[in-house]
Each structure stands twice: as structure tokens, then as C-alpha cells.
N, C-alpha and C. Protein backbone atom coordinates (compact mmCIF):
# COMPACT_ATOMS: atom_id res chain seq x y z
N MET A 1 42.75 75.66 82.77
CA MET A 1 42.62 74.26 83.07
C MET A 1 43.95 73.74 83.62
N PHE A 2 43.89 72.94 84.64
CA PHE A 2 45.09 72.39 85.27
C PHE A 2 45.61 71.18 84.51
N GLU A 3 46.92 71.04 84.50
CA GLU A 3 47.52 69.81 84.04
C GLU A 3 47.29 68.78 85.15
N THR A 4 47.25 67.51 84.82
CA THR A 4 46.96 66.49 85.83
C THR A 4 48.01 65.38 85.82
N ILE A 5 48.01 64.64 86.93
CA ILE A 5 48.80 63.39 87.04
C ILE A 5 47.95 62.46 87.89
N ASN A 6 47.76 61.24 87.44
CA ASN A 6 46.88 60.26 88.09
C ASN A 6 45.47 60.86 88.28
N CYS A 7 45.05 61.69 87.35
CA CYS A 7 43.74 62.35 87.33
C CYS A 7 43.60 63.45 88.39
N PHE A 8 44.67 63.82 89.07
CA PHE A 8 44.62 64.90 90.07
C PHE A 8 45.32 66.12 89.52
N PRO A 9 44.80 67.33 89.84
CA PRO A 9 45.41 68.55 89.30
C PRO A 9 46.77 68.84 89.94
N ILE A 10 47.70 69.27 89.08
CA ILE A 10 48.99 69.74 89.54
C ILE A 10 48.83 71.21 89.82
N ILE A 11 49.09 71.63 91.09
CA ILE A 11 48.89 73.04 91.43
C ILE A 11 50.18 73.83 91.47
N ALA A 12 51.32 73.12 91.41
CA ALA A 12 52.62 73.79 91.28
C ALA A 12 53.61 72.79 90.68
N MET A 13 54.59 73.29 89.96
CA MET A 13 55.60 72.41 89.40
C MET A 13 56.90 73.17 89.21
N CYS A 14 57.97 72.44 89.20
CA CYS A 14 59.30 73.00 88.94
C CYS A 14 60.05 71.98 88.10
N PHE A 15 60.55 72.39 86.92
CA PHE A 15 61.25 71.47 86.04
C PHE A 15 62.65 71.18 86.60
N THR A 16 63.10 69.95 86.42
CA THR A 16 64.42 69.54 86.89
C THR A 16 65.26 69.03 85.72
N PRO A 17 66.54 69.40 85.68
CA PRO A 17 67.41 68.96 84.60
C PRO A 17 67.85 67.52 84.79
N ALA A 18 68.37 66.92 83.75
CA ALA A 18 68.97 65.59 83.85
C ALA A 18 70.30 65.73 84.56
N TYR A 19 70.57 64.83 85.52
CA TYR A 19 71.88 64.81 86.20
C TYR A 19 72.00 63.52 86.97
N ASP A 20 73.27 63.13 87.27
CA ASP A 20 73.59 61.94 88.08
C ASP A 20 72.82 60.69 87.62
N GLY A 21 72.67 60.48 86.33
CA GLY A 21 72.02 59.29 85.82
C GLY A 21 70.50 59.39 85.78
N TYR A 22 69.93 60.47 86.22
CA TYR A 22 68.48 60.65 86.13
C TYR A 22 68.16 61.54 84.95
N GLY A 23 67.05 61.25 84.29
CA GLY A 23 66.61 62.08 83.20
C GLY A 23 65.94 63.34 83.71
N GLU A 24 65.56 64.19 82.81
CA GLU A 24 64.86 65.40 83.25
C GLU A 24 63.47 65.02 83.74
N GLY A 25 62.91 65.93 84.50
CA GLY A 25 61.59 65.70 85.06
C GLY A 25 61.04 66.96 85.66
N ARG A 26 60.18 66.77 86.66
CA ARG A 26 59.66 67.94 87.36
C ARG A 26 59.20 67.52 88.76
N ILE A 27 59.30 68.45 89.67
CA ILE A 27 58.75 68.28 91.00
C ILE A 27 57.34 68.83 90.92
N VAL A 28 56.37 68.08 91.42
CA VAL A 28 54.99 68.50 91.36
C VAL A 28 54.35 68.57 92.75
N LEU A 29 53.41 69.47 92.89
CA LEU A 29 52.54 69.54 94.06
C LEU A 29 51.14 69.27 93.53
N VAL A 30 50.54 68.19 94.03
CA VAL A 30 49.27 67.68 93.51
C VAL A 30 48.21 67.76 94.61
N ASP A 31 47.00 68.10 94.21
CA ASP A 31 45.85 68.13 95.13
C ASP A 31 44.97 66.92 94.81
N ARG A 32 44.90 65.99 95.77
CA ARG A 32 44.08 64.78 95.55
C ARG A 32 42.63 64.96 96.02
N GLY A 33 42.30 66.11 96.58
CA GLY A 33 40.92 66.37 96.96
C GLY A 33 40.62 66.04 98.41
N GLU A 34 39.47 66.55 98.86
CA GLU A 34 39.07 66.47 100.26
C GLU A 34 38.83 65.04 100.77
N LYS A 35 38.59 64.08 99.92
CA LYS A 35 38.25 62.74 100.38
C LYS A 35 39.50 61.98 100.89
N HIS A 36 40.70 62.54 100.65
CA HIS A 36 41.95 61.93 101.10
C HIS A 36 42.43 62.62 102.37
N ASP A 37 42.76 61.84 103.40
CA ASP A 37 43.29 62.43 104.64
C ASP A 37 44.58 63.19 104.36
N GLU A 38 45.43 62.55 103.56
CA GLU A 38 46.64 63.23 103.13
C GLU A 38 46.39 63.74 101.72
N ARG A 39 45.78 64.90 101.69
CA ARG A 39 45.24 65.44 100.46
C ARG A 39 46.30 65.82 99.42
N TYR A 40 47.43 66.32 99.89
CA TYR A 40 48.43 66.87 98.97
C TYR A 40 49.62 65.91 98.80
N VAL A 41 50.17 65.90 97.62
CA VAL A 41 51.31 65.08 97.30
C VAL A 41 52.40 65.96 96.67
N VAL A 42 53.62 65.83 97.21
CA VAL A 42 54.78 66.43 96.57
C VAL A 42 55.62 65.30 96.04
N ALA A 43 55.92 65.29 94.77
CA ALA A 43 56.61 64.16 94.17
C ALA A 43 57.41 64.56 92.96
N TRP A 44 58.15 63.61 92.40
CA TRP A 44 58.90 63.84 91.17
C TRP A 44 58.24 63.05 90.06
N GLN A 45 58.16 63.66 88.91
CA GLN A 45 57.58 62.96 87.73
C GLN A 45 58.62 62.99 86.62
N ALA A 46 58.89 61.82 86.08
CA ALA A 46 59.91 61.70 85.02
C ALA A 46 59.36 62.15 83.66
N HIS A 47 60.27 62.66 82.86
CA HIS A 47 59.92 63.04 81.50
C HIS A 47 60.60 62.06 80.56
N GLY A 48 59.87 61.66 79.54
CA GLY A 48 60.44 60.75 78.52
C GLY A 48 60.18 61.28 77.15
N ASP A 49 61.02 60.89 76.22
CA ASP A 49 60.81 61.41 74.86
C ASP A 49 61.10 60.38 73.78
N SER A 50 60.85 59.10 74.08
CA SER A 50 61.12 58.08 73.05
C SER A 50 60.16 58.17 71.87
N HIS A 51 58.97 58.65 72.08
CA HIS A 51 57.98 58.82 71.00
C HIS A 51 57.47 60.26 71.01
N GLY A 52 58.31 61.21 71.22
CA GLY A 52 57.92 62.59 71.34
C GLY A 52 57.82 62.97 72.82
N PRO A 53 57.74 64.22 73.12
CA PRO A 53 57.70 64.63 74.54
C PRO A 53 56.46 64.15 75.28
N TYR A 54 56.66 63.58 76.43
CA TYR A 54 55.54 63.16 77.25
C TYR A 54 56.00 63.03 78.70
N TRP A 55 55.05 62.99 79.60
CA TRP A 55 55.33 62.79 81.04
C TRP A 55 54.88 61.39 81.39
N TYR A 56 55.68 60.70 82.21
CA TYR A 56 55.26 59.37 82.69
C TYR A 56 53.98 59.56 83.50
N LYS A 57 53.19 58.49 83.53
CA LYS A 57 51.88 58.59 84.20
C LYS A 57 51.94 58.61 85.72
N ALA A 58 52.99 58.07 86.31
CA ALA A 58 53.08 57.97 87.76
C ALA A 58 54.04 58.99 88.33
N TRP A 59 53.90 59.24 89.65
CA TRP A 59 54.85 60.05 90.36
C TRP A 59 55.79 59.16 91.15
N GLU A 60 56.92 59.69 91.53
CA GLU A 60 57.93 58.93 92.29
C GLU A 60 58.36 59.75 93.50
N SER A 61 58.94 59.06 94.47
CA SER A 61 59.51 59.71 95.67
C SER A 61 58.45 60.67 96.30
N ALA A 62 57.27 60.16 96.51
CA ALA A 62 56.19 60.99 96.96
C ALA A 62 56.23 61.24 98.48
N ARG A 63 55.83 62.43 98.86
CA ARG A 63 55.61 62.79 100.23
C ARG A 63 54.17 63.27 100.32
N TYR A 64 53.38 62.62 101.19
CA TYR A 64 51.96 62.94 101.32
C TYR A 64 51.79 63.86 102.51
N CYS A 65 50.96 64.89 102.34
CA CYS A 65 50.78 65.92 103.37
C CYS A 65 49.29 66.17 103.62
N ARG A 66 48.97 66.41 104.88
CA ARG A 66 47.60 66.71 105.25
C ARG A 66 47.16 68.14 104.93
N THR A 67 48.09 69.08 105.01
CA THR A 67 47.74 70.49 104.79
C THR A 67 48.51 71.06 103.62
N LEU A 68 47.93 72.09 103.01
CA LEU A 68 48.59 72.78 101.93
C LEU A 68 49.86 73.48 102.44
N LYS A 69 49.82 73.96 103.64
CA LYS A 69 50.96 74.62 104.28
C LYS A 69 52.17 73.69 104.32
N ASP A 70 51.94 72.47 104.82
CA ASP A 70 53.00 71.47 104.88
C ASP A 70 53.48 71.05 103.49
N ALA A 71 52.56 70.92 102.57
CA ALA A 71 52.93 70.57 101.19
C ALA A 71 53.77 71.65 100.53
N ARG A 72 53.43 72.90 100.76
CA ARG A 72 54.23 74.00 100.22
C ARG A 72 55.65 73.99 100.76
N LYS A 73 55.78 73.74 102.04
CA LYS A 73 57.11 73.68 102.66
C LYS A 73 57.94 72.57 102.01
N GLU A 74 57.31 71.39 101.85
CA GLU A 74 58.01 70.24 101.23
C GLU A 74 58.38 70.56 99.78
N PHE A 75 57.49 71.18 99.06
CA PHE A 75 57.72 71.55 97.67
C PHE A 75 58.92 72.49 97.56
N VAL A 76 58.95 73.52 98.37
CA VAL A 76 60.04 74.51 98.35
C VAL A 76 61.35 73.84 98.77
N LYS A 77 61.30 72.97 99.75
CA LYS A 77 62.49 72.25 100.21
C LYS A 77 63.10 71.43 99.05
N ARG A 78 62.28 70.72 98.35
CA ARG A 78 62.76 69.91 97.23
C ARG A 78 63.26 70.77 96.07
N VAL A 79 62.59 71.83 95.77
CA VAL A 79 63.04 72.74 94.70
C VAL A 79 64.43 73.33 95.05
N ASN A 80 64.59 73.71 96.31
CA ASN A 80 65.86 74.31 96.71
C ASN A 80 67.03 73.32 96.70
N LYS A 81 66.76 72.00 96.70
CA LYS A 81 67.82 70.99 96.63
C LYS A 81 68.29 70.78 95.19
N GLU A 82 67.55 71.26 94.23
CA GLU A 82 67.91 71.00 92.82
C GLU A 82 69.17 71.75 92.44
N PRO A 83 69.99 71.11 91.59
CA PRO A 83 71.23 71.81 91.15
C PRO A 83 70.87 73.00 90.26
N VAL A 84 71.69 73.97 90.34
CA VAL A 84 71.47 75.20 89.58
C VAL A 84 72.29 75.17 88.29
């Protein structure tokens, strides 16, 4: 079973550490389904832990893509920008 965000399945993710005033989170690749012209979303999702571990419900800094090929490229580009 896929994990979801905004009721859409996350098909890839990469965890991101806290840095430069941002908390930890993850970069996600989401499939919104065939009914959307820009079917795929690459975005960042914040992690919070004020009441135990949880993920915020929304994504941020989204890039919407028509094809999975373009979404994969965007996902890899964002992952490669992350500090090591």
C-alpha cells in the first residue's frame, strides 16, 4: 500500500535533514492520476513532531509535470541539491 499526501499516492520519496532554519522533511513524487493534465507533482513535505511524529498534510514548493519522465528528472534534480 502506498503512503499518500492530499489523498494521492507517493511513488518516490527522499528524506531531507533540518538545515538553514528549515525542519526535516522529504521530497516527494506524487501521482495525481489521469484526470489531471499535470499528473505528477514533485514537492517538499515538512515533518513535525509536536505531538509525536507526523507529516504535514500539504506539500510545498511544488513542480507539476505532465509526464513521469519529466517528474523523475525534477525529483532527481531536487534530491541532488540536498546537503550531504
